[in-house]
Amino acid sequence: MDAKIPVFDNCSISESGQENFLAMDLGQYIRKHADMVFPHRHSFYHLVLFVEGKGRFSIDFTNFTIKPYLAYFMSPGQVHTWEFEGVPNGYVVNFSHDFFHSLLLNPEYIGQFGFFSGSADDNVIIVPSLKRERAGFLLKELIQEMPGSGFPNQNLLQIILLHFFHLLEDRKFETQEAKPSASVRATLEQFETLIELHFKKEKFPSFYADKLRISSNHLNNLCKEHLGMQAGEFIRKRIILEAKRSLIIPGSSITSLSYDLNFSDNSNFTKFFKKHVGMNPEQFRKKYASSHALPQE
């Protein structure tokens, strides 16, 4: 079912032909892709920094209003749409999963940054006033290193972009008393990875706690302290997200989705969905369709 949601590859939206990186003025980017307003996915990481403008955008069905120096960060696979009043000013950067591999030899390195957690609430931040000039300067440097033809210096692009990430990641902990320890962060990252692998079949925290070789109580305590919710709620949020992503596809079968998510029947899935969303699957589909539309096949 996911395959029917349009997926854009970097190479399909980059005039330079570079498949692993793109940095561009946001206004220019939007003018060239003005029709890309329907729900879609990216196969690459995608970030935008708005300097000024009006409108709204959504990431995985969470809506946001554009504000000056609001930045959003998206991981591959997240569902996205936007709607602008006029053309906003700012910057856009796209890069592939393997973009940093030659420099860091660790394709999972990006996962350390909270704004690439895959959770819509973490994906959006306001850049602090004292960091705005520096953030804009770094993104301008990226654009300057993107010639109209030829190949940019990839190592330089990597270093500039990592500088930008670390500049904004620092702000994530400015209001927190303490960062989670390296071991706690590793456990939570592994928990999230296990959820991605097993959420369709395994819905209870005990399964994940066993995999992590910790107790269910300890897993719950870690989740409450550092994720703001119990482990079970975190798992349920992922199931609901997958259901929403599938339900927006015109003609998709709710019964097939129920079995794909390992519910015994359509009725049990509908009760689960309504309990956590506040409406049944068909109501959600109609409500979303009233304000968004996928392109006709």
C-alpha atoms as a PDB file:
ATOM      1  CA  MET A   1       0.000   0.000   0.000  1.00  0.00           C
ATOM      2  CA  ASP A   2       2.820   2.448   0.779  1.00  0.00           C
ATOM      3  CA  ALA A   3       4.055   2.341  -2.781  1.00  0.00           C
ATOM      4  CA  LYS A   4       0.997   4.305  -3.921  1.00  0.00           C
ATOM      5  CA  ILE A   5       2.021   7.359  -1.940  1.00  0.00           C
ATOM      6  CA  PRO A   6       4.276   9.336  -4.320  1.00  0.00           C
ATOM      7  CA  VAL A   7       7.945   9.016  -3.379  1.00  0.00           C
ATOM      8  CA  PHE A   8      10.381  11.641  -4.636  1.00  0.00           C
ATOM      9  CA  ASP A   9      14.050  10.790  -5.142  1.00  0.00           C
ATOM     10  CA  ASN A  10      16.757  13.432  -4.863  1.00  0.00           C
ATOM     11  CA  CYS A  11      17.717  12.879  -8.486  1.00  0.00           C
ATOM     12  CA  SER A  12      14.149  13.624  -9.590  1.00  0.00           C
ATOM     13  CA  ILE A  13      14.130  17.117  -8.074  1.00  0.00           C
ATOM     14  CA  SER A  14      17.760  18.130  -8.555  1.00  0.00           C
ATOM     15  CA  GLU A  15      18.702  19.929 -11.762  1.00  0.00           C
ATOM     16  CA  SER A  16      22.388  19.265 -11.138  1.00  0.00           C
ATOM     17  CA  GLY A  17      21.841  15.527 -11.463  1.00  0.00           C
ATOM     18  CA  GLN A  18      23.408  14.867  -8.067  1.00  0.00           C
ATOM     19  CA  GLU A  19      21.551  12.019  -6.430  1.00  0.00           C
ATOM     20  CA  ASN A  20      22.954  12.386  -2.911  1.00  0.00           C
ATOM     21  CA  PHE A  21      22.848  16.135  -2.168  1.00  0.00           C
ATOM     22  CA  LEU A  22      20.998  19.331  -2.989  1.00  0.00           C
ATOM     23  CA  ALA A  23      21.176  22.810  -1.409  1.00  0.00           C
ATOM     24  CA  MET A  24      18.994  25.549  -2.831  1.00  0.00           C
ATOM     25  CA  ASP A  25      17.231  28.850  -2.178  1.00  0.00           C
ATOM     26  CA  LEU A  26      13.766  27.907  -0.889  1.00  0.00           C
ATOM     27  CA  GLY A  27      11.886  30.364  -3.101  1.00  0.00           C
ATOM     28  CA  GLN A  28      13.590  29.033  -6.200  1.00  0.00           C
ATOM     29  CA  TYR A  29      12.935  25.453  -5.110  1.00  0.00           C
ATOM     30  CA  ILE A  30       9.217  26.099  -4.557  1.00  0.00           C
ATOM     31  CA  ARG A  31       8.782  27.908  -7.888  1.00  0.00           C
ATOM     32  CA  LYS A  32      10.287  24.938  -9.700  1.00  0.00           C
ATOM     33  CA  HIS A  33       8.112  22.442  -7.819  1.00  0.00           C
ATOM     34  CA  ALA A  34       4.925  24.425  -7.238  1.00  0.00           C
ATOM     35  CA  ASP A  35       2.744  21.389  -7.967  1.00  0.00           C
ATOM     36  CA  MET A  36       4.292  19.302  -5.162  1.00  0.00           C
ATOM     37  CA  VAL A  37       1.517  20.135  -2.677  1.00  0.00           C
ATOM     38  CA  PHE A  38      -0.135  16.715  -2.399  1.00  0.00           C
ATOM     39  CA  PRO A  39       0.896  14.214   0.311  1.00  0.00           C
ATOM     40  CA  HIS A  40       4.193  12.598  -0.627  1.00  0.00           C
ATOM     41  CA  ARG A  41       7.303  10.949   0.780  1.00  0.00           C
ATOM     42  CA  HIS A  42      10.996  11.548   0.190  1.00  0.00           C
ATOM     43  CA  SER A  43      13.607   8.821  -0.200  1.00  0.00           C
ATOM     44  CA  PHE A  44      16.153  11.222   1.320  1.00  0.00           C
ATOM     45  CA  TYR A  45      16.624  13.472   4.341  1.00  0.00           C
ATOM     46  CA  HIS A  46      15.040  16.885   3.849  1.00  0.00           C
ATOM     47  CA  LEU A  47      15.398  20.115   5.822  1.00  0.00           C
ATOM     48  CA  VAL A  48      13.987  23.605   5.395  1.00  0.00           C
ATOM     49  CA  LEU A  49      14.785  26.843   7.217  1.00  0.00           C
ATOM     50  CA  PHE A  50      12.136  29.549   6.759  1.00  0.00           C
ATOM     51  CA  VAL A  51      13.453  33.109   7.042  1.00  0.00           C
ATOM     52  CA  GLU A  52      10.105  34.723   6.283  1.00  0.00           C
ATOM     53  CA  GLY A  53       6.784  33.767   4.757  1.00  0.00           C
ATOM     54  CA  LYS A  54       3.277  32.570   5.532  1.00  0.00           C
ATOM     55  CA  GLY A  55       1.512  29.247   5.206  1.00  0.00           C
ATOM     56  CA  ARG A  56       1.475  25.831   6.770  1.00  0.00           C
ATOM     57  CA  PHE A  57       2.936  22.378   6.334  1.00  0.00           C
ATOM     58  CA  SER A  58       2.399  18.938   7.803  1.00  0.00           C
ATOM     59  CA  ILE A  59       4.707  16.095   8.748  1.00  0.00           C
ATOM     60  CA  ASP A  60       3.064  12.735   9.400  1.00  0.00           C
ATOM     61  CA  PHE A  61      -0.348  14.398   9.896  1.00  0.00           C
ATOM     62  CA  THR A  62       0.847  16.964  12.431  1.00  0.00           C
ATOM     63  CA  ASN A  63       0.210  20.513  11.192  1.00  0.00           C
ATOM     64  CA  PHE A  64       2.564  23.466  11.688  1.00  0.00           C
ATOM     65  CA  THR A  65       2.353  27.173  10.903  1.00  0.00           C
ATOM     66  CA  ILE A  66       5.306  28.841   9.232  1.00  0.00           C
ATOM     67  CA  LYS A  67       7.174  31.346  11.412  1.00  0.00           C
ATOM     68  CA  PRO A  68      10.421  33.298  10.913  1.00  0.00           C
ATOM     69  CA  TYR A  69      13.444  31.071  11.534  1.00  0.00           C
ATOM     70  CA  LEU A  70      11.371  27.951  11.954  1.00  0.00           C
ATOM     71  CA  ALA A  71      13.291  24.911  10.740  1.00  0.00           C
ATOM     72  CA  TYR A  72      11.963  21.441  10.038  1.00  0.00           C
ATOM     73  CA  PHE A  73      13.840  18.191   9.462  1.00  0.00           C
ATOM     74  CA  MET A  74      12.422  15.070   7.796  1.00  0.00           C
ATOM     75  CA  SER A  75      13.726  11.519   7.601  1.00  0.00           C
ATOM     76  CA  PRO A  76      13.099   9.217   4.616  1.00  0.00           C
ATOM     77  CA  GLY A  77       9.587   7.782   4.546  1.00  0.00           C
ATOM     78  CA  GLN A  78       7.744  10.494   6.457  1.00  0.00           C
ATOM     79  CA  VAL A  79       4.577  11.813   4.785  1.00  0.00           C
ATOM     80  CA  HIS A  80       4.695  15.507   3.985  1.00  0.00           C
ATOM     81  CA  THR A  81       2.619  18.266   2.434  1.00  0.00           C
ATOM     82  CA  TRP A  82       2.730  22.074   2.421  1.00  0.00           C
ATOM     83  CA  GLU A  83       0.628  25.096   1.436  1.00  0.00           C
ATOM     84  CA  PHE A  84       2.037  28.628   1.177  1.00  0.00           C
ATOM     85  CA  GLU A  85       0.632  32.140   0.940  1.00  0.00           C
ATOM     86  CA  GLY A  86       2.974  33.525  -1.675  1.00  0.00           C
ATOM     87  CA  VAL A  87       6.546  32.268  -1.874  1.00  0.00           C
ATOM     88  CA  PRO A  88       8.492  32.127   1.423  1.00  0.00           C
ATOM     89  CA  ASN A  89      12.173  32.966   1.748  1.00  0.00           C
ATOM     90  CA  GLY A  90      14.667  30.535   3.200  1.00  0.00           C
ATOM     91  CA  TYR A  91      16.804  27.521   2.406  1.00  0.00           C
ATOM     92  CA  VAL A  92      16.264  23.860   1.543  1.00  0.00           C
ATOM     93  CA  VAL A  93      18.735  20.972   1.803  1.00  0.00           C
ATOM     94  CA  ASN A  94      18.244  17.361   0.706  1.00  0.00           C
ATOM     95  CA  PHE A  95      20.769  14.573   1.248  1.00  0.00           C
ATOM     96  CA  SER A  96      20.791  10.800   0.936  1.00  0.00           C
ATOM     97  CA  HIS A  97      21.112   8.194   3.672  1.00  0.00           C
ATOM     98  CA  ASP A  98      24.677   7.449   2.512  1.00  0.00           C
ATOM     99  CA  PHE A  99      25.800  11.066   2.151  1.00  0.00           C
ATOM    100  CA  PHE A 100      27.910  11.039   5.338  1.00  0.00           C
ATOM    101  CA  HIS A 101      29.137   7.464   5.045  1.00  0.00           C
ATOM    102  CA  SER A 102      32.496   8.251   3.406  1.00  0.00           C
ATOM    103  CA  LEU A 103      33.290  10.840   6.085  1.00  0.00           C
ATOM    104  CA  LEU A 104      31.944   9.136   9.216  1.00  0.00           C
ATOM    105  CA  LEU A 105      31.889   5.441   8.250  1.00  0.00           C
ATOM    106  CA  ASN A 106      28.665   5.260  10.245  1.00  0.00           C
ATOM    107  CA  PRO A 107      25.404   5.465   8.265  1.00  0.00           C
ATOM    108  CA  GLU A 108      23.407   5.725  11.522  1.00  0.00           C
ATOM    109  CA  TYR A 109      25.264   8.833  12.736  1.00  0.00           C
ATOM    110  CA  ILE A 110      22.403  11.149  11.784  1.00  0.00           C
ATOM    111  CA  GLY A 111      20.173   9.338  14.278  1.00  0.00           C
ATOM    112  CA  GLN A 112      21.969  11.076  17.153  1.00  0.00           C
ATOM    113  CA  PHE A 113      20.332  14.384  16.256  1.00  0.00           C
ATOM    114  CA  GLY A 114      16.951  14.728  17.959  1.00  0.00           C
ATOM    115  CA  PHE A 115      15.348  16.559  15.056  1.00  0.00           C
ATOM    116  CA  PHE A 116      15.855  13.479  12.853  1.00  0.00           C
ATOM    117  CA  SER A 117      14.116  11.196  15.362  1.00  0.00           C
ATOM    118  CA  GLY A 118      11.244  10.496  12.970  1.00  0.00           C
ATOM    119  CA  SER A 119       8.742  12.060  15.382  1.00  0.00           C
ATOM    120  CA  ALA A 120       6.920  15.079  13.921  1.00  0.00           C
ATOM    121  CA  ASP A 121       6.956  16.918  17.253  1.00  0.00           C
ATOM    122  CA  ASP A 122      10.767  16.721  17.351  1.00  0.00           C
ATOM    123  CA  ASN A 123      11.176  17.544  13.658  1.00  0.00           C
ATOM    124  CA  VAL A 124      10.304  21.227  14.033  1.00  0.00           C
ATOM    125  CA  ILE A 125      12.294  23.830  15.970  1.00  0.00           C
ATOM    126  CA  ILE A 126      12.642  27.598  16.208  1.00  0.00           C
ATOM    127  CA  VAL A 127      16.255  28.683  15.764  1.00  0.00           C
ATOM    128  CA  PRO A 128      17.294  30.844  18.770  1.00  0.00           C
ATOM    129  CA  SER A 129      17.919  34.490  17.876  1.00  0.00           C
ATOM    130  CA  LEU A 130      21.609  34.316  18.780  1.00  0.00           C
ATOM    131  CA  LYS A 131      22.137  31.435  16.329  1.00  0.00           C
ATOM    132  CA  ARG A 132      20.114  32.711  13.367  1.00  0.00           C
ATOM    133  CA  GLU A 133      22.895  34.629  11.630  1.00  0.00           C
ATOM    134  CA  ARG A 134      25.285  31.687  11.900  1.00  0.00           C
ATOM    135  CA  ALA A 135      22.645  29.189  10.734  1.00  0.00           C
ATOM    136  CA  GLY A 136      21.836  31.293   7.672  1.00  0.00           C
ATOM    137  CA  PHE A 137      25.534  31.755   6.879  1.00  0.00           C
ATOM    138  CA  LEU A 138      26.149  27.993   6.909  1.00  0.00           C
ATOM    139  CA  LEU A 139      23.244  27.256   4.574  1.00  0.00           C
ATOM    140  CA  LYS A 140      24.364  30.025   2.207  1.00  0.00           C
ATOM    141  CA  GLU A 141      27.785  28.378   2.137  1.00  0.00           C
ATOM    142  CA  LEU A 142      26.180  25.092   1.122  1.00  0.00           C
ATOM    143  CA  ILE A 143      24.359  26.790  -1.758  1.00  0.00           C
ATOM    144  CA  GLN A 144      27.556  28.514  -2.895  1.00  0.00           C
ATOM    145  CA  GLU A 145      29.248  25.109  -3.041  1.00  0.00           C
ATOM    146  CA  MET A 146      26.523  23.836  -5.412  1.00  0.00           C
ATOM    147  CA  PRO A 147      27.628  24.926  -8.902  1.00  0.00           C
ATOM    148  CA  GLY A 148      25.258  24.750 -11.822  1.00  0.00           C
ATOM    149  CA  SER A 149      27.372  22.038 -13.375  1.00  0.00           C
ATOM    150  CA  GLY A 150      30.212  19.780 -12.316  1.00  0.00           C
ATOM    151  CA  PHE A 151      30.722  18.123  -8.950  1.00  0.00           C
ATOM    152  CA  PRO A 152      30.906  20.027  -5.633  1.00  0.00           C
ATOM    153  CA  ASN A 153      33.471  19.190  -2.950  1.00  0.00           C
ATOM    154  CA  GLN A 154      31.515  16.571  -1.019  1.00  0.00           C
ATOM    155  CA  ASN A 155      33.768  16.577   2.042  1.00  0.00           C
ATOM    156  CA  LEU A 156      33.321  20.324   2.419  1.00  0.00           C
ATOM    157  CA  LEU A 157      29.543  19.965   2.069  1.00  0.00           C
ATOM    158  CA  GLN A 158      29.547  17.261   4.738  1.00  0.00           C
ATOM    159  CA  ILE A 159      31.545  19.374   7.201  1.00  0.00           C
ATOM    160  CA  ILE A 160      29.381  22.479   6.714  1.00  0.00           C
ATOM    161  CA  LEU A 161      26.166  20.500   7.129  1.00  0.00           C
ATOM    162  CA  LEU A 162      27.423  18.741  10.266  1.00  0.00           C
ATOM    163  CA  HIS A 163      28.357  22.158  11.677  1.00  0.00           C
ATOM    164  CA  PHE A 164      24.779  23.281  11.046  1.00  0.00           C
ATOM    165  CA  PHE A 165      23.348  20.195  12.770  1.00  0.00           C
ATOM    166  CA  HIS A 166      25.539  20.583  15.843  1.00  0.00           C
ATOM    167  CA  LEU A 167      24.707  24.295  16.042  1.00  0.00           C
ATOM    168  CA  LEU A 168      20.988  23.479  16.291  1.00  0.00           C
ATOM    169  CA  GLU A 169      21.316  20.287  18.335  1.00  0.00           C
ATOM    170  CA  ASP A 170      22.983  22.308  21.105  1.00  0.00           C
ATOM    171  CA  ARG A 171      19.813  24.343  21.415  1.00  0.00           C
ATOM    172  CA  LYS A 172      17.797  21.178  22.071  1.00  0.00           C
ATOM    173  CA  PHE A 173      19.366  20.856  25.528  1.00  0.00           C
ATOM    174  CA  GLU A 174      19.524  24.546  26.487  1.00  0.00           C
ATOM    175  CA  THR A 175      16.441  24.235  28.701  1.00  0.00           C
ATOM    176  CA  GLN A 176      17.146  20.741  30.009  1.00  0.00           C
ATOM    177  CA  GLU A 177      18.918  20.092  33.282  1.00  0.00           C
ATOM    178  CA  ALA A 178      20.924  17.190  31.876  1.00  0.00           C
ATOM    179  CA  LYS A 179      21.391  15.252  28.667  1.00  0.00           C
ATOM    180  CA  PRO A 180      20.638  11.537  28.680  1.00  0.00           C
ATOM    181  CA  SER A 181      23.796   9.480  29.152  1.00  0.00           C
ATOM    182  CA  ALA A 182      25.370   7.761  26.164  1.00  0.00           C
ATOM    183  CA  SER A 183      24.144   4.359  27.386  1.00  0.00           C
ATOM    184  CA  VAL A 184      20.570   5.583  27.867  1.00  0.00           C
ATOM    185  CA  ARG A 185      20.545   7.211  24.457  1.00  0.00           C
ATOM    186  CA  ALA A 186      21.862   3.996  22.892  1.00  0.00           C
ATOM    187  CA  THR A 187      19.130   1.954  24.599  1.00  0.00           C
ATOM    188  CA  LEU A 188      16.373   4.292  23.436  1.00  0.00           C
ATOM    189  CA  GLU A 189      17.746   4.364  19.898  1.00  0.00           C
ATOM    190  CA  GLN A 190      17.830   0.570  19.867  1.00  0.00           C
ATOM    191  CA  PHE A 191      14.263   0.503  21.206  1.00  0.00           C
ATOM    192  CA  GLU A 192      13.117   2.732  18.336  1.00  0.00           C
ATOM    193  CA  THR A 193      14.983   0.564  15.828  1.00  0.00           C
ATOM    194  CA  LEU A 194      13.318  -2.575  17.199  1.00  0.00           C
ATOM    195  CA  ILE A 195       9.903  -0.914  16.948  1.00  0.00           C
ATOM    196  CA  GLU A 196      10.507  -0.175  13.252  1.00  0.00           C
ATOM    197  CA  LEU A 197      11.317  -3.840  12.702  1.00  0.00           C
ATOM    198  CA  HIS A 198       8.545  -5.427  14.752  1.00  0.00           C
ATOM    199  CA  PHE A 199       5.672  -2.985  15.446  1.00  0.00           C
ATOM    200  CA  LYS A 200       3.279  -4.738  13.064  1.00  0.00           C
ATOM    201  CA  LYS A 201       3.561  -7.995  15.010  1.00  0.00           C
ATOM    202  CA  GLU A 202       4.703  -7.076  18.504  1.00  0.00           C
ATOM    203  CA  LYS A 203       2.589  -4.556  20.399  1.00  0.00           C
ATOM    204  CA  PHE A 204       3.693  -5.096  24.018  1.00  0.00           C
ATOM    205  CA  PRO A 205       6.715  -3.554  25.787  1.00  0.00           C
ATOM    206  CA  SER A 206       7.771  -6.914  27.269  1.00  0.00           C
ATOM    207  CA  PHE A 207       8.914  -8.136  23.835  1.00  0.00           C
ATOM    208  CA  TYR A 208      11.172  -5.099  23.362  1.00  0.00           C
ATOM    209  CA  ALA A 209      12.445  -5.187  26.932  1.00  0.00           C
ATOM    210  CA  ASP A 210      13.515  -8.806  26.415  1.00  0.00           C
ATOM    211  CA  LYS A 211      15.339  -7.867  23.229  1.00  0.00           C
ATOM    212  CA  LEU A 212      17.084  -5.035  25.089  1.00  0.00           C
ATOM    213  CA  ARG A 213      17.854  -7.333  28.039  1.00  0.00           C
ATOM    214  CA  ILE A 214      16.242  -5.000  30.540  1.00  0.00           C
ATOM    215  CA  SER A 215      13.041  -5.233  32.564  1.00  0.00           C
ATOM    216  CA  SER A 216       9.752  -3.833  31.290  1.00  0.00           C
ATOM    217  CA  ASN A 217       9.640  -1.464  34.265  1.00  0.00           C
ATOM    218  CA  HIS A 218      13.086  -0.112  33.460  1.00  0.00           C
ATOM    219  CA  LEU A 219      12.128   0.406  29.822  1.00  0.00           C
ATOM    220  CA  ASN A 220       8.971   2.247  30.897  1.00  0.00           C
ATOM    221  CA  ASN A 221      10.936   4.468  33.258  1.00  0.00           C
ATOM    222  CA  LEU A 222      13.445   5.362  30.564  1.00  0.00           C
ATOM    223  CA  CYS A 223      10.680   6.172  28.105  1.00  0.00           C
ATOM    224  CA  LYS A 224       8.759   8.307  30.590  1.00  0.00           C
ATOM    225  CA  GLU A 225      11.844  10.263  31.607  1.00  0.00           C
ATOM    226  CA  HIS A 226      13.369  10.850  28.185  1.00  0.00           C
ATOM    227  CA  LEU A 227      10.527  10.397  25.674  1.00  0.00           C
ATOM    228  CA  GLY A 228       7.686  11.770  27.763  1.00  0.00           C
ATOM    229  CA  MET A 229       5.502   8.668  27.465  1.00  0.00           C
ATOM    230  CA  GLN A 230       5.397   5.025  28.485  1.00  0.00           C
ATOM    231  CA  ALA A 231       6.866   2.379  26.201  1.00  0.00           C
ATOM    232  CA  GLY A 232       3.447   1.026  25.261  1.00  0.00           C
ATOM    233  CA  GLU A 233       2.264   4.448  24.136  1.00  0.00           C
ATOM    234  CA  PHE A 234       5.378   4.871  22.011  1.00  0.00           C
ATOM    235  CA  ILE A 235       4.641   1.570  20.273  1.00  0.00           C
ATOM    236  CA  ARG A 236       0.977   2.481  19.759  1.00  0.00           C
ATOM    237  CA  LYS A 237       1.917   5.829  18.226  1.00  0.00           C
ATOM    238  CA  ARG A 238       3.970   4.003  15.592  1.00  0.00           C
ATOM    239  CA  ILE A 239       1.067   1.657  14.778  1.00  0.00           C
ATOM    240  CA  ILE A 240      -1.343   4.592  14.460  1.00  0.00           C
ATOM    241  CA  LEU A 241       1.105   6.475  12.244  1.00  0.00           C
ATOM    242  CA  GLU A 242       1.383   3.508   9.891  1.00  0.00           C
ATOM    243  CA  ALA A 243      -2.400   3.211   9.794  1.00  0.00           C
ATOM    244  CA  LYS A 244      -2.793   6.906   8.916  1.00  0.00           C
ATOM    245  CA  ARG A 245      -0.162   6.677   6.196  1.00  0.00           C
ATOM    246  CA  SER A 246      -2.056   3.798   4.611  1.00  0.00           C
ATOM    247  CA  LEU A 247      -5.548   5.244   5.036  1.00  0.00           C
ATOM    248  CA  ILE A 248      -4.820   8.357   2.960  1.00  0.00           C
ATOM    249  CA  ILE A 249      -4.274   6.186  -0.122  1.00  0.00           C
ATOM    250  CA  PRO A 250      -7.457   6.303  -2.239  1.00  0.00           C
ATOM    251  CA  GLY A 251      -9.102   2.911  -2.508  1.00  0.00           C
ATOM    252  CA  SER A 252      -6.974   1.233   0.146  1.00  0.00           C
ATOM    253  CA  SER A 253      -8.676  -1.565   2.039  1.00  0.00           C
ATOM    254  CA  ILE A 254      -9.268  -1.117   5.763  1.00  0.00           C
ATOM    255  CA  THR A 255      -9.672  -4.864   6.133  1.00  0.00           C
ATOM    256  CA  SER A 256      -6.303  -5.521   4.477  1.00  0.00           C
ATOM    257  CA  LEU A 257      -4.711  -2.868   6.680  1.00  0.00           C
ATOM    258  CA  SER A 258      -6.173  -4.526   9.779  1.00  0.00           C
ATOM    259  CA  TYR A 259      -4.522  -7.827   8.937  1.00  0.00           C
ATOM    260  CA  ASP A 260      -1.281  -6.153   7.846  1.00  0.00           C
ATOM    261  CA  LEU A 261      -1.059  -4.611  11.333  1.00  0.00           C
ATOM    262  CA  ASN A 262      -1.804  -8.023  12.885  1.00  0.00           C
ATOM    263  CA  PHE A 263      -5.266  -7.304  14.266  1.00  0.00           C
ATOM    264  CA  SER A 264      -7.557 -10.324  14.461  1.00  0.00           C
ATOM    265  CA  ASP A 265     -10.274  -8.582  12.456  1.00  0.00           C
ATOM    266  CA  ASN A 266     -11.474  -5.252  11.096  1.00  0.00           C
ATOM    267  CA  SER A 267     -13.615  -4.590  14.179  1.00  0.00           C
ATOM    268  CA  ASN A 268     -10.716  -4.802  16.632  1.00  0.00           C
ATOM    269  CA  PHE A 269      -8.586  -2.515  14.476  1.00  0.00           C
ATOM    270  CA  THR A 270     -11.414   0.017  14.175  1.00  0.00           C
ATOM    271  CA  LYS A 271     -11.897   0.081  17.963  1.00  0.00           C
ATOM    272  CA  PHE A 272      -8.149   0.522  18.503  1.00  0.00           C
ATOM    273  CA  PHE A 273      -7.924   3.327  15.955  1.00  0.00           C
ATOM    274  CA  LYS A 274     -10.979   5.183  17.257  1.00  0.00           C
ATOM    275  CA  LYS A 275      -9.763   4.948  20.860  1.00  0.00           C
ATOM    276  CA  HIS A 276      -6.456   6.621  20.037  1.00  0.00           C
ATOM    277  CA  VAL A 277      -7.477   8.965  17.206  1.00  0.00           C
ATOM    278  CA  GLY A 278     -10.991   9.938  18.251  1.00  0.00           C
ATOM    279  CA  MET A 279     -12.644   8.824  15.013  1.00  0.00           C
ATOM    280  CA  ASN A 280     -12.918   5.599  13.056  1.00  0.00           C
ATOM    281  CA  PRO A 281     -10.637   4.865  10.076  1.00  0.00           C
ATOM    282  CA  GLU A 282     -13.204   5.810   7.445  1.00  0.00           C
ATOM    283  CA  GLN A 283     -13.955   9.111   9.183  1.00  0.00           C
ATOM    284  CA  PHE A 284     -10.237   9.890   9.304  1.00  0.00           C
ATOM    285  CA  ARG A 285      -9.873   9.097   5.614  1.00  0.00           C
ATOM    286  CA  LYS A 286     -12.773  11.394   4.661  1.00  0.00           C
ATOM    287  CA  LYS A 287     -11.559  14.215   6.900  1.00  0.00           C
ATOM    288  CA  TYR A 288      -8.074  14.089   5.427  1.00  0.00           C
ATOM    289  CA  ALA A 289      -9.368  13.829   1.852  1.00  0.00           C
ATOM    290  CA  SER A 290     -11.450  16.981   2.339  1.00  0.00           C
ATOM    291  CA  SER A 291      -8.299  19.101   2.668  1.00  0.00           C
ATOM    292  CA  HIS A 292      -5.675  17.098   0.758  1.00  0.00           C
ATOM    293  CA  ALA A 293      -5.681  15.107  -2.428  1.00  0.00           C
ATOM    294  CA  LEU A 294      -3.291  12.615  -3.939  1.00  0.00           C
ATOM    295  CA  PRO A 295      -2.739  12.974  -7.713  1.00  0.00           C
ATOM    296  CA  GLN A 296      -4.942  10.859  -9.916  1.00  0.00           C
ATOM    297  CA  GLU A 297      -3.276   7.785 -11.355  1.00  0.00           C
END
